Amino acid sequence: IIWREFGIKLNFYAEIVSDSLIKLHIRPEVSSLDFTNGIEISGFKI
């Protein structure tokens, strides 16, 4: 079994360049479950 995250996610990396500027690497993500397009493997409905 492996686990996969879903929902509202945010990953970021910040670096202060100067007293007025910030370098920002950001990755926002929104995911939801879709049972309509799911599959069934060995009796497990994914």
ModelCIF file with pLDDT and N, C-alpha, C, O atoms, coordinates in Angstrom:
data_MODEL
#
_entry.id   MODEL 
#
_entity.id                         1 
_entity.type                       polymer 
_entity.pdbx_number_of_molecules   1 
#
_entity_poly.entity_id                      1 
_entity_poly.type                           'polypeptide(L)' 
_entity_poly.nstd_linkage                   no 
_entity_poly.nstd_monomer                   no 
_entity_poly.pdbx_seq_one_letter_code       IIWREFGIKLNFYAEIVSDSLIKLHIRPEVSSLDFTNGIEISGFKI 
_entity_poly.pdbx_seq_one_letter_code_can   IIWREFGIKLNFYAEIVSDSLIKLHIRPEVSSLDFTNGIEISGFKI 
_entity_poly.pdbx_strand_id                 A 
#
loop_
_entity_poly_seq.entity_id 
_entity_poly_seq.num 
_entity_poly_seq.mon_id 
_entity_poly_seq.hetero 
1 1  ILE n 
1 2  ILE n 
1 3  TRP n 
1 4  ARG n 
1 5  GLU n 
1 6  PHE n 
1 7  GLY n 
1 8  ILE n 
1 9  LYS n 
1 10 LEU n 
1 11 ASN n 
1 12 PHE n 
1 13 TYR n 
1 14 ALA n 
1 15 GLU n 
1 16 ILE n 
1 17 VAL n 
1 18 SER n 
1 19 ASP n 
1 20 SER n 
1 21 LEU n 
1 22 ILE n 
1 23 LYS n 
1 24 LEU n 
1 25 HIS n 
1 26 ILE n 
1 27 ARG n 
1 28 PRO n 
1 29 GLU n 
1 30 VAL n 
1 31 SER n 
1 32 SER n 
1 33 LEU n 
1 34 ASP n 
1 35 PHE n 
1 36 THR n 
1 37 ASN n 
1 38 GLY n 
1 39 ILE n 
1 40 GLU n 
1 41 ILE n 
1 42 SER n 
1 43 GLY n 
1 44 PHE n 
1 45 LYS n 
1 46 ILE n 
#
_struct_asym.id          A 
_struct_asym.entity_id   1 
#
loop_
_ma_qa_metric.id 
_ma_qa_metric.mode 
_ma_qa_metric.name 
_ma_qa_metric.software_group_id 
_ma_qa_metric.type 
1 global pLDDT . pLDDT 
2 local  pLDDT . pLDDT 
#
_ma_qa_metric_global.metric_id      1 
_ma_qa_metric_global.metric_value   84.59 
_ma_qa_metric_global.model_id       1 
_ma_qa_metric_global.ordinal_id     1 
#
loop_
_ma_qa_metric_local.label_asym_id 
_ma_qa_metric_local.label_comp_id 
_ma_qa_metric_local.label_seq_id 
_ma_qa_metric_local.metric_id 
_ma_qa_metric_local.metric_value 
_ma_qa_metric_local.model_id 
_ma_qa_metric_local.ordinal_id 
A ILE 1  2 84.00 1 1  
A ILE 2  2 87.00 1 2  
A TRP 3  2 89.00 1 3  
A ARG 4  2 89.00 1 4  
A GLU 5  2 91.00 1 5  
A PHE 6  2 90.00 1 6  
A GLY 7  2 88.00 1 7  
A ILE 8  2 85.00 1 8  
A LYS 9  2 88.00 1 9  
A LEU 10 2 87.00 1 10 
A ASN 11 2 90.00 1 11 
A PHE 12 2 89.00 1 12 
A TYR 13 2 91.00 1 13 
A ALA 14 2 89.00 1 14 
A GLU 15 2 87.00 1 15 
A ILE 16 2 85.00 1 16 
A VAL 17 2 83.00 1 17 
A SER 18 2 78.00 1 18 
A ASP 19 2 73.00 1 19 
A SER 20 2 80.00 1 20 
A LEU 21 2 86.00 1 21 
A ILE 22 2 89.00 1 22 
A LYS 23 2 90.00 1 23 
A LEU 24 2 90.00 1 24 
A HIS 25 2 91.00 1 25 
A ILE 26 2 89.00 1 26 
A ARG 27 2 89.00 1 27 
A PRO 28 2 86.00 1 28 
A GLU 29 2 87.00 1 29 
A VAL 30 2 84.00 1 30 
A SER 31 2 86.00 1 31 
A SER 32 2 84.00 1 32 
A LEU 33 2 87.00 1 33 
A ASP 34 2 85.00 1 34 
A PHE 35 2 84.00 1 35 
A THR 36 2 80.00 1 36 
A ASN 37 2 83.00 1 37 
A GLY 38 2 85.00 1 38 
A ILE 39 2 84.00 1 39 
A GLU 40 2 81.00 1 40 
A ILE 41 2 72.00 1 41 
A SER 42 2 67.00 1 42 
A GLY 43 2 72.00 1 43 
A PHE 44 2 72.00 1 44 
A LYS 45 2 80.00 1 45 
A ILE 46 2 85.00 1 46 
#
loop_
_atom_site.group_PDB 
_atom_site.id 
_atom_site.type_symbol 
_atom_site.label_atom_id 
_atom_site.label_alt_id 
_atom_site.label_comp_id 
_atom_site.label_asym_id 
_atom_site.label_entity_id 
_atom_site.label_seq_id 
_atom_site.pdbx_PDB_ins_code 
_atom_site.Cartn_x 
_atom_site.Cartn_y 
_atom_site.Cartn_z 
_atom_site.occupancy 
_atom_site.B_iso_or_equiv 
_atom_site.pdbx_formal_charge 
_atom_site.auth_seq_id 
_atom_site.auth_comp_id 
_atom_site.auth_asym_id 
_atom_site.auth_atom_id 
_atom_site.pdbx_PDB_model_num 
ATOM 1   N N  . ILE A 1 1  ? 0.853   -1.196 0.000   1.00 84.00 ? 1  ILE A N  1 
ATOM 2   C CA . ILE A 1 1  ? 0.000   0.000  0.000   1.00 84.00 ? 1  ILE A CA 1 
ATOM 3   C C  . ILE A 1 1  ? 0.887   1.244  0.000   1.00 84.00 ? 1  ILE A C  1 
ATOM 4   O O  . ILE A 1 1  ? 1.781   1.390  0.833   1.00 84.00 ? 1  ILE A O  1 
ATOM 5   N N  . ILE A 1 2  ? 0.623   2.123  -0.940  1.00 87.00 ? 2  ILE A N  1 
ATOM 6   C CA . ILE A 1 2  ? 1.236   3.444  -0.932  1.00 87.00 ? 2  ILE A CA 1 
ATOM 7   C C  . ILE A 1 2  ? 0.117   4.470  -0.741  1.00 87.00 ? 2  ILE A C  1 
ATOM 8   O O  . ILE A 1 2  ? -1.037  4.224  -1.092  1.00 87.00 ? 2  ILE A O  1 
ATOM 9   N N  . TRP A 1 3  ? 0.479   5.612  -0.183  1.00 89.00 ? 3  TRP A N  1 
ATOM 10  C CA . TRP A 1 3  ? -0.505  6.637  0.143   1.00 89.00 ? 3  TRP A CA 1 
ATOM 11  C C  . TRP A 1 3  ? -0.282  7.848  -0.747  1.00 89.00 ? 3  TRP A C  1 
ATOM 12  O O  . TRP A 1 3  ? 0.846   8.294  -0.956  1.00 89.00 ? 3  TRP A O  1 
ATOM 13  N N  . ARG A 1 4  ? -1.382  8.364  -1.263  1.00 89.00 ? 4  ARG A N  1 
ATOM 14  C CA . ARG A 1 4  ? -1.341  9.524  -2.154  1.00 89.00 ? 4  ARG A CA 1 
ATOM 15  C C  . ARG A 1 4  ? -2.155  10.655 -1.522  1.00 89.00 ? 4  ARG A C  1 
ATOM 16  O O  . ARG A 1 4  ? -3.309  10.466 -1.138  1.00 89.00 ? 4  ARG A O  1 
ATOM 17  N N  . GLU A 1 5  ? -1.541  11.821 -1.423  1.00 91.00 ? 5  GLU A N  1 
ATOM 18  C CA . GLU A 1 5  ? -2.206  12.962 -0.807  1.00 91.00 ? 5  GLU A CA 1 
ATOM 19  C C  . GLU A 1 5  ? -3.167  13.614 -1.796  1.00 91.00 ? 5  GLU A C  1 
ATOM 20  O O  . GLU A 1 5  ? -2.939  13.615 -3.006  1.00 91.00 ? 5  GLU A O  1 
ATOM 21  N N  . PHE A 1 6  ? -4.239  14.164 -1.251  1.00 90.00 ? 6  PHE A N  1 
ATOM 22  C CA . PHE A 1 6  ? -5.187  14.927 -2.059  1.00 90.00 ? 6  PHE A CA 1 
ATOM 23  C C  . PHE A 1 6  ? -5.767  16.037 -1.187  1.00 90.00 ? 6  PHE A C  1 
ATOM 24  O O  . PHE A 1 6  ? -5.735  15.969 0.042   1.00 90.00 ? 6  PHE A O  1 
ATOM 25  N N  . GLY A 1 7  ? -6.288  17.043 -1.846  1.00 88.00 ? 7  GLY A N  1 
ATOM 26  C CA . GLY A 1 7  ? -6.864  18.185 -1.137  1.00 88.00 ? 7  GLY A CA 1 
ATOM 27  C C  . GLY A 1 7  ? -6.196  19.474 -1.597  1.00 88.00 ? 7  GLY A C  1 
ATOM 28  O O  . GLY A 1 7  ? -5.804  19.606 -2.756  1.00 88.00 ? 7  GLY A O  1 
ATOM 29  N N  . ILE A 1 8  ? -6.073  20.418 -0.676  1.00 85.00 ? 8  ILE A N  1 
ATOM 30  C CA . ILE A 1 8  ? -5.432  21.709 -0.948  1.00 85.00 ? 8  ILE A CA 1 
ATOM 31  C C  . ILE A 1 8  ? -4.011  21.653 -0.399  1.00 85.00 ? 8  ILE A C  1 
ATOM 32  O O  . ILE A 1 8  ? -3.811  21.511 0.807   1.00 85.00 ? 8  ILE A O  1 
ATOM 33  N N  . LYS A 1 9  ? -3.028  21.765 -1.286  1.00 88.00 ? 9  LYS A N  1 
ATOM 34  C CA . LYS A 1 9  ? -1.624  21.633 -0.915  1.00 88.00 ? 9  LYS A CA 1 
ATOM 35  C C  . LYS A 1 9  ? -0.859  22.895 -1.307  1.00 88.00 ? 9  LYS A C  1 
ATOM 36  O O  . LYS A 1 9  ? -1.224  23.613 -2.238  1.00 88.00 ? 9  LYS A O  1 
ATOM 37  N N  . LEU A 1 10 ? 0.205   23.130 -0.566  1.00 87.00 ? 10 LEU A N  1 
ATOM 38  C CA . LEU A 1 10 ? 1.077   24.266 -0.861  1.00 87.00 ? 10 LEU A CA 1 
ATOM 39  C C  . LEU A 1 10 ? 2.500   23.881 -0.478  1.00 87.00 ? 10 LEU A C  1 
ATOM 40  O O  . LEU A 1 10 ? 2.756   23.481 0.658   1.00 87.00 ? 10 LEU A O  1 
ATOM 41  N N  . ASN A 1 11 ? 3.418   24.001 -1.419  1.00 90.00 ? 11 ASN A N  1 
ATOM 42  C CA . ASN A 1 11 ? 4.853   23.833 -1.183  1.00 90.00 ? 11 ASN A CA 1 
ATOM 43  C C  . ASN A 1 11 ? 5.554   25.106 -1.649  1.00 90.00 ? 11 ASN A C  1 
ATOM 44  O O  . ASN A 1 11 ? 5.289   25.604 -2.743  1.00 90.00 ? 11 ASN A O  1 
ATOM 45  N N  . PHE A 1 12 ? 6.449   25.628 -0.815  1.00 89.00 ? 12 PHE A N  1 
ATOM 46  C CA . PHE A 1 12 ? 7.139   26.844 -1.212  1.00 89.00 ? 12 PHE A CA 1 
ATOM 47  C C  . PHE A 1 12 ? 8.550   26.850 -0.634  1.00 89.00 ? 12 PHE A C  1 
ATOM 48  O O  . PHE A 1 12 ? 8.833   26.212 0.380   1.00 89.00 ? 12 PHE A O  1 
ATOM 49  N N  . TYR A 1 13 ? 9.422   27.587 -1.309  1.00 91.00 ? 13 TYR A N  1 
ATOM 50  C CA . TYR A 1 13 ? 10.802  27.824 -0.886  1.00 91.00 ? 13 TYR A CA 1 
ATOM 51  C C  . TYR A 1 13 ? 11.067  29.314 -1.055  1.00 91.00 ? 13 TYR A C  1 
ATOM 52  O O  . TYR A 1 13 ? 10.867  29.866 -2.136  1.00 91.00 ? 13 TYR A O  1 
ATOM 53  N N  . ALA A 1 14 ? 11.519  29.965 0.016   1.00 89.00 ? 14 ALA A N  1 
ATOM 54  C CA . ALA A 1 14 ? 11.688  31.421 0.003   1.00 89.00 ? 14 ALA A CA 1 
ATOM 55  C C  . ALA A 1 14 ? 13.136  31.781 0.294   1.00 89.00 ? 14 ALA A C  1 
ATOM 56  O O  . ALA A 1 14 ? 13.799  31.141 1.109   1.00 89.00 ? 14 ALA A O  1 
ATOM 57  N N  . GLU A 1 15 ? 13.608  32.805 -0.380  1.00 87.00 ? 15 GLU A N  1 
ATOM 58  C CA . GLU A 1 15 ? 14.948  33.343 -0.174  1.00 87.00 ? 15 GLU A CA 1 
ATOM 59  C C  . GLU A 1 15 ? 14.873  34.864 -0.174  1.00 87.00 ? 15 GLU A C  1 
ATOM 60  O O  . GLU A 1 15 ? 14.364  35.474 -1.114  1.00 87.00 ? 15 GLU A O  1 
ATOM 61  N N  . ILE A 1 16 ? 15.390  35.466 0.894   1.00 85.00 ? 16 ILE A N  1 
ATOM 62  C CA . ILE A 1 16 ? 15.384  36.925 1.017   1.00 85.00 ? 16 ILE A CA 1 
ATOM 63  C C  . ILE A 1 16 ? 16.563  37.465 0.224   1.00 85.00 ? 16 ILE A C  1 
ATOM 64  O O  . ILE A 1 16 ? 17.718  37.246 0.590   1.00 85.00 ? 16 ILE A O  1 
ATOM 65  N N  . VAL A 1 17 ? 16.271  38.167 -0.857  1.00 83.00 ? 17 VAL A N  1 
ATOM 66  C CA . VAL A 1 17 ? 17.314  38.722 -1.720  1.00 83.00 ? 17 VAL A CA 1 
ATOM 67  C C  . VAL A 1 17 ? 17.830  40.050 -1.166  1.00 83.00 ? 17 VAL A C  1 
ATOM 68  O O  . VAL A 1 17 ? 19.040  40.272 -1.123  1.00 83.00 ? 17 VAL A O  1 
ATOM 69  N N  . SER A 1 18 ? 16.941  40.916 -0.751  1.00 78.00 ? 18 SER A N  1 
ATOM 70  C CA . SER A 1 18 ? 17.296  42.202 -0.166  1.00 78.00 ? 18 SER A CA 1 
ATOM 71  C C  . SER A 1 18 ? 16.222  42.568 0.850   1.00 78.00 ? 18 SER A C  1 
ATOM 72  O O  . SER A 1 18 ? 15.321  41.777 1.132   1.00 78.00 ? 18 SER A O  1 
ATOM 73  N N  . ASP A 1 19 ? 16.329  43.786 1.398   1.00 73.00 ? 19 ASP A N  1 
ATOM 74  C CA . ASP A 1 19 ? 15.350  44.208 2.378   1.00 73.00 ? 19 ASP A CA 1 
ATOM 75  C C  . ASP A 1 19 ? 14.002  44.550 1.758   1.00 73.00 ? 19 ASP A C  1 
ATOM 76  O O  . ASP A 1 19 ? 13.063  44.880 2.482   1.00 73.00 ? 19 ASP A O  1 
ATOM 77  N N  . SER A 1 20 ? 13.887  44.479 0.442   1.00 80.00 ? 20 SER A N  1 
ATOM 78  C CA . SER A 1 20 ? 12.616  44.786 -0.200  1.00 80.00 ? 20 SER A CA 1 
ATOM 79  C C  . SER A 1 20 ? 12.176  43.729 -1.217  1.00 80.00 ? 20 SER A C  1 
ATOM 80  O O  . SER A 1 20 ? 11.093  43.854 -1.789  1.00 80.00 ? 20 SER A O  1 
ATOM 81  N N  . LEU A 1 21 ? 12.991  42.685 -1.459  1.00 86.00 ? 21 LEU A N  1 
ATOM 82  C CA . LEU A 1 21 ? 12.691  41.718 -2.504  1.00 86.00 ? 21 LEU A CA 1 
ATOM 83  C C  . LEU A 1 21 ? 12.883  40.307 -1.972  1.00 86.00 ? 21 LEU A C  1 
ATOM 84  O O  . LEU A 1 21 ? 13.815  40.034 -1.217  1.00 86.00 ? 21 LEU A O  1 
ATOM 85  N N  . ILE A 1 22 ? 11.980  39.411 -2.380  1.00 89.00 ? 22 ILE A N  1 
ATOM 86  C CA . ILE A 1 22 ? 11.997  38.009 -1.968  1.00 89.00 ? 22 ILE A CA 1 
ATOM 87  C C  . ILE A 1 22 ? 11.871  37.145 -3.217  1.00 89.00 ? 22 ILE A C  1 
ATOM 88  O O  . ILE A 1 22 ? 11.004  37.377 -4.061  1.00 89.00 ? 22 ILE A O  1 
ATOM 89  N N  . LYS A 1 23 ? 12.742  36.150 -3.325  1.00 90.00 ? 23 LYS A N  1 
ATOM 90  C CA . LYS A 1 23 ? 12.609  35.153 -4.388  1.00 90.00 ? 23 LYS A CA 1 
ATOM 91  C C  . LYS A 1 23 ? 11.786  34.002 -3.853  1.00 90.00 ? 23 LYS A C  1 
ATOM 92  O O  . LYS A 1 23 ? 12.113  33.429 -2.814  1.00 90.00 ? 23 LYS A O  1 
ATOM 93  N N  . LEU A 1 24 ? 10.727  33.661 -4.551  1.00 90.00 ? 24 LEU A N  1 
ATOM 94  C CA . LEU A 1 24 ? 9.738   32.707 -4.051  1.00 90.00 ? 24 LEU A CA 1 
ATOM 95  C C  . LEU A 1 24 ? 9.512   31.621 -5.097  1.00 90.00 ? 24 LEU A C  1 
ATOM 96  O O  . LEU A 1 24 ? 9.156   31.907 -6.240  1.00 90.00 ? 24 LEU A O  1 
ATOM 97  N N  . HIS A 1 25 ? 9.723   30.379 -4.692  1.00 91.00 ? 25 HIS A N  1 
ATOM 98  C CA . HIS A 1 25 ? 9.370   29.211 -5.519  1.00 91.00 ? 25 HIS A CA 1 
ATOM 99  C C  . HIS A 1 25 ? 8.141   28.580 -4.880  1.00 91.00 ? 25 HIS A C  1 
ATOM 100 O O  . HIS A 1 25 ? 8.206   28.089 -3.753  1.00 91.00 ? 25 HIS A O  1 
ATOM 101 N N  . ILE A 1 26 ? 7.041   28.593 -5.584  1.00 89.00 ? 26 ILE A N  1 
ATOM 102 C CA . ILE A 1 26 ? 5.766   28.198 -5.005  1.00 89.00 ? 26 ILE A CA 1 
ATOM 103 C C  . ILE A 1 26 ? 5.085   27.182 -5.912  1.00 89.00 ? 26 ILE A C  1 
ATOM 104 O O  . ILE A 1 26 ? 5.178   27.265 -7.137  1.00 89.00 ? 26 ILE A O  1 
ATOM 105 N N  . ARG A 1 27 ? 4.398   26.219 -5.294  1.00 89.00 ? 27 ARG A N  1 
ATOM 106 C CA . ARG A 1 27 ? 3.663   25.192 -6.030  1.00 89.00 ? 27 ARG A CA 1 
ATOM 107 C C  . ARG A 1 27 ? 2.327   24.936 -5.321  1.00 89.00 ? 27 ARG A C  1 
ATOM 108 O O  . ARG A 1 27 ? 2.253   24.057 -4.462  1.00 89.00 ? 27 ARG A O  1 
ATOM 109 N N  . PRO A 1 28 ? 1.281   25.680 -5.659  1.00 86.00 ? 28 PRO A N  1 
ATOM 110 C CA . PRO A 1 28 ? -0.052  25.392 -5.112  1.00 86.00 ? 28 PRO A CA 1 
ATOM 111 C C  . PRO A 1 28 ? -0.736  24.294 -5.928  1.00 86.00 ? 28 PRO A C  1 
ATOM 112 O O  . PRO A 1 28 ? -0.528  24.176 -7.136  1.00 86.00 ? 28 PRO A O  1 
ATOM 113 N N  . GLU A 1 29 ? -1.552  23.497 -5.245  1.00 87.00 ? 29 GLU A N  1 
ATOM 114 C CA . GLU A 1 29 ? -2.235  22.378 -5.901  1.00 87.00 ? 29 GLU A CA 1 
ATOM 115 C C  . GLU A 1 29 ? -3.577  22.143 -5.230  1.00 87.00 ? 29 GLU A C  1 
ATOM 116 O O  . GLU A 1 29 ? -3.694  22.201 -4.006  1.00 87.00 ? 29 GLU A O  1 
ATOM 117 N N  . VAL A 1 30 ? -4.584  21.879 -6.045  1.00 84.00 ? 30 VAL A N  1 
ATOM 118 C CA . VAL A 1 30 ? -5.925  21.519 -5.572  1.00 84.00 ? 30 VAL A CA 1 
ATOM 119 C C  . VAL A 1 30 ? -6.324  20.234 -6.282  1.00 84.00 ? 30 VAL A C  1 
ATOM 120 O O  . VAL A 1 30 ? -6.339  20.183 -7.512  1.00 84.00 ? 30 VAL A O  1 
ATOM 121 N N  . SER A 1 31 ? -6.647  19.198 -5.521  1.00 86.00 ? 31 SER A N  1 
ATOM 122 C CA . SER A 1 31 ? -7.028  17.907 -6.084  1.00 86.00 ? 31 SER A CA 1 
ATOM 123 C C  . SER A 1 31 ? -8.244  17.378 -5.340  1.00 86.00 ? 31 SER A C  1 
ATOM 124 O O  . SER A 1 31 ? -8.471  17.716 -4.178  1.00 86.00 ? 31 SER A O  1 
ATOM 125 N N  . SER A 1 32 ? -9.020  16.549 -6.016  1.00 84.00 ? 32 SER A N  1 
ATOM 126 C CA . SER A 1 32 ? -10.223 15.953 -5.441  1.00 84.00 ? 32 SER A CA 1 
ATOM 127 C C  . SER A 1 32 ? -10.379 14.540 -5.991  1.00 84.00 ? 32 SER A C  1 
ATOM 128 O O  . SER A 1 32 ? -9.812  14.193 -7.027  1.00 84.00 ? 32 SER A O  1 
ATOM 129 N N  . LEU A 1 33 ? -11.157 13.734 -5.277  1.00 87.00 ? 33 LEU A N  1 
ATOM 130 C CA . LEU A 1 33 ? -11.392 12.349 -5.675  1.00 87.00 ? 33 LEU A CA 1 
ATOM 131 C C  . LEU A 1 33 ? -12.440 12.283 -6.773  1.00 87.00 ? 33 LEU A C  1 
ATOM 132 O O  . LEU A 1 33 ? -13.441 12.998 -6.733  1.00 87.00 ? 33 LEU A O  1 
ATOM 133 N N  . ASP A 1 34 ? -12.206 11.429 -7.743  1.00 85.00 ? 34 ASP A N  1 
ATOM 134 C CA . ASP A 1 34 ? -13.111 11.234 -8.870  1.00 85.00 ? 34 ASP A CA 1 
ATOM 135 C C  . ASP A 1 34 ? -13.453 9.746  -8.938  1.00 85.00 ? 34 ASP A C  1 
ATOM 136 O O  . ASP A 1 34 ? -12.688 8.949  -9.480  1.00 85.00 ? 34 ASP A O  1 
ATOM 137 N N  . PHE A 1 35 ? -14.611 9.379  -8.382  1.00 84.00 ? 35 PHE A N  1 
ATOM 138 C CA . PHE A 1 35 ? -15.017 7.980  -8.371  1.00 84.00 ? 35 PHE A CA 1 
ATOM 139 C C  . PHE A 1 35 ? -15.574 7.546  -9.721  1.00 84.00 ? 35 PHE A C  1 
ATOM 140 O O  . PHE A 1 35 ? -15.639 6.349  -10.002 1.00 84.00 ? 35 PHE A O  1 
ATOM 141 N N  . THR A 1 36 ? -15.974 8.489  -10.555 1.00 80.00 ? 36 THR A N  1 
ATOM 142 C CA . THR A 1 36 ? -16.526 8.121  -11.864 1.00 80.00 ? 36 THR A CA 1 
ATOM 143 C C  . THR A 1 36 ? -15.470 7.472  -12.743 1.00 80.00 ? 36 THR A C  1 
ATOM 144 O O  . THR A 1 36 ? -15.748 6.492  -13.434 1.00 80.00 ? 36 THR A O  1 
ATOM 145 N N  . ASN A 1 37 ? -14.268 8.013  -12.720 1.00 83.00 ? 37 ASN A N  1 
ATOM 146 C CA . ASN A 1 37 ? -13.186 7.487  -13.549 1.00 83.00 ? 37 ASN A CA 1 
ATOM 147 C C  . ASN A 1 37 ? -12.253 6.568  -12.770 1.00 83.00 ? 37 ASN A C  1 
ATOM 148 O O  . ASN A 1 37 ? -11.131 6.321  -13.213 1.00 83.00 ? 37 ASN A O  1 
ATOM 149 N N  . GLY A 1 38 ? -12.684 6.060  -11.634 1.00 85.00 ? 38 GLY A N  1 
ATOM 150 C CA . GLY A 1 38 ? -11.862 5.156  -10.849 1.00 85.00 ? 38 GLY A CA 1 
ATOM 151 C C  . GLY A 1 38 ? -11.753 3.780  -11.482 1.00 85.00 ? 38 GLY A C  1 
ATOM 152 O O  . GLY A 1 38 ? -12.473 3.458  -12.428 1.00 85.00 ? 38 GLY A O  1 
ATOM 153 N N  . ILE A 1 39 ? -10.846 2.975  -10.953 1.00 84.00 ? 39 ILE A N  1 
ATOM 154 C CA . ILE A 1 39 ? -10.633 1.618  -11.440 1.00 84.00 ? 39 ILE A CA 1 
ATOM 155 C C  . ILE A 1 39 ? -10.739 0.650  -10.269 1.00 84.00 ? 39 ILE A C  1 
ATOM 156 O O  . ILE A 1 39 ? -10.724 1.058  -9.108  1.00 84.00 ? 39 ILE A O  1 
ATOM 157 N N  . GLU A 1 40 ? -10.847 -0.623 -10.586 1.00 81.00 ? 40 GLU A N  1 
ATOM 158 C CA . GLU A 1 40 ? -10.952 -1.669 -9.579  1.00 81.00 ? 40 GLU A CA 1 
ATOM 159 C C  . GLU A 1 40 ? -9.861  -2.691 -9.833  1.00 81.00 ? 40 GLU A C  1 
ATOM 160 O O  . GLU A 1 40 ? -9.784  -3.275 -10.914 1.00 81.00 ? 40 GLU A O  1 
ATOM 161 N N  . ILE A 1 41 ? -9.008  -2.907 -8.820  1.00 72.00 ? 41 ILE A N  1 
ATOM 162 C CA . ILE A 1 41 ? -7.887  -3.827 -8.920  1.00 72.00 ? 41 ILE A CA 1 
ATOM 163 C C  . ILE A 1 41 ? -7.950  -4.802 -7.756  1.00 72.00 ? 41 ILE A C  1 
ATOM 164 O O  . ILE A 1 41 ? -7.882  -4.411 -6.591  1.00 72.00 ? 41 ILE A O  1 
ATOM 165 N N  . SER A 1 42 ? -8.083  -6.088 -8.098  1.00 67.00 ? 42 SER A N  1 
ATOM 166 C CA . SER A 1 42 ? -8.081  -7.170 -7.086  1.00 67.00 ? 42 SER A CA 1 
ATOM 167 C C  . SER A 1 42 ? -9.102  -6.909 -5.993  1.00 67.00 ? 42 SER A C  1 
ATOM 168 O O  . SER A 1 42 ? -8.838  -7.145 -4.813  1.00 67.00 ? 42 SER A O  1 
ATOM 169 N N  . GLY A 1 43 ? -10.241 -6.431 -6.383  1.00 72.00 ? 43 GLY A N  1 
ATOM 170 C CA . GLY A 1 43 ? -11.300 -6.160 -5.419  1.00 72.00 ? 43 GLY A CA 1 
ATOM 171 C C  . GLY A 1 43 ? -11.216 -4.811 -4.752  1.00 72.00 ? 43 GLY A C  1 
ATOM 172 O O  . GLY A 1 43 ? -12.108 -4.458 -3.981  1.00 72.00 ? 43 GLY A O  1 
ATOM 173 N N  . PHE A 1 44 ? -10.178 -4.042 -5.019  1.00 72.00 ? 44 PHE A N  1 
ATOM 174 C CA . PHE A 1 44 ? -10.033 -2.709 -4.444  1.00 72.00 ? 44 PHE A CA 1 
ATOM 175 C C  . PHE A 1 44 ? -10.532 -1.682 -5.459  1.00 72.00 ? 44 PHE A C  1 
ATOM 176 O O  . PHE A 1 44 ? -10.099 -1.682 -6.612  1.00 72.00 ? 44 PHE A O  1 
ATOM 177 N N  . LYS A 1 45 ? -11.427 -0.821 -5.036  1.00 80.00 ? 45 LYS A N  1 
ATOM 178 C CA . LYS A 1 45 ? -11.913 0.253  -5.883  1.00 80.00 ? 45 LYS A CA 1 
ATOM 179 C C  . LYS A 1 45 ? -11.107 1.507  -5.583  1.00 80.00 ? 45 LYS A C  1 
ATOM 180 O O  . LYS A 1 45 ? -11.161 2.054  -4.481  1.00 80.00 ? 45 LYS A O  1 
ATOM 181 N N  . ILE A 1 46 ? -10.365 1.947  -6.581  1.00 85.00 ? 46 ILE A N  1 
ATOM 182 C CA . ILE A 1 46 ? -9.453  3.075  -6.410  1.00 85.00 ? 46 ILE A CA 1 
ATOM 183 C C  . ILE A 1 46 ? -9.997  4.251  -7.193  1.00 85.00 ? 46 ILE A C  1 
ATOM 184 O O  . ILE A 1 46 ? -9.391  5.323  -7.198  1.00 85.00 ? 46 ILE A O  1 
#
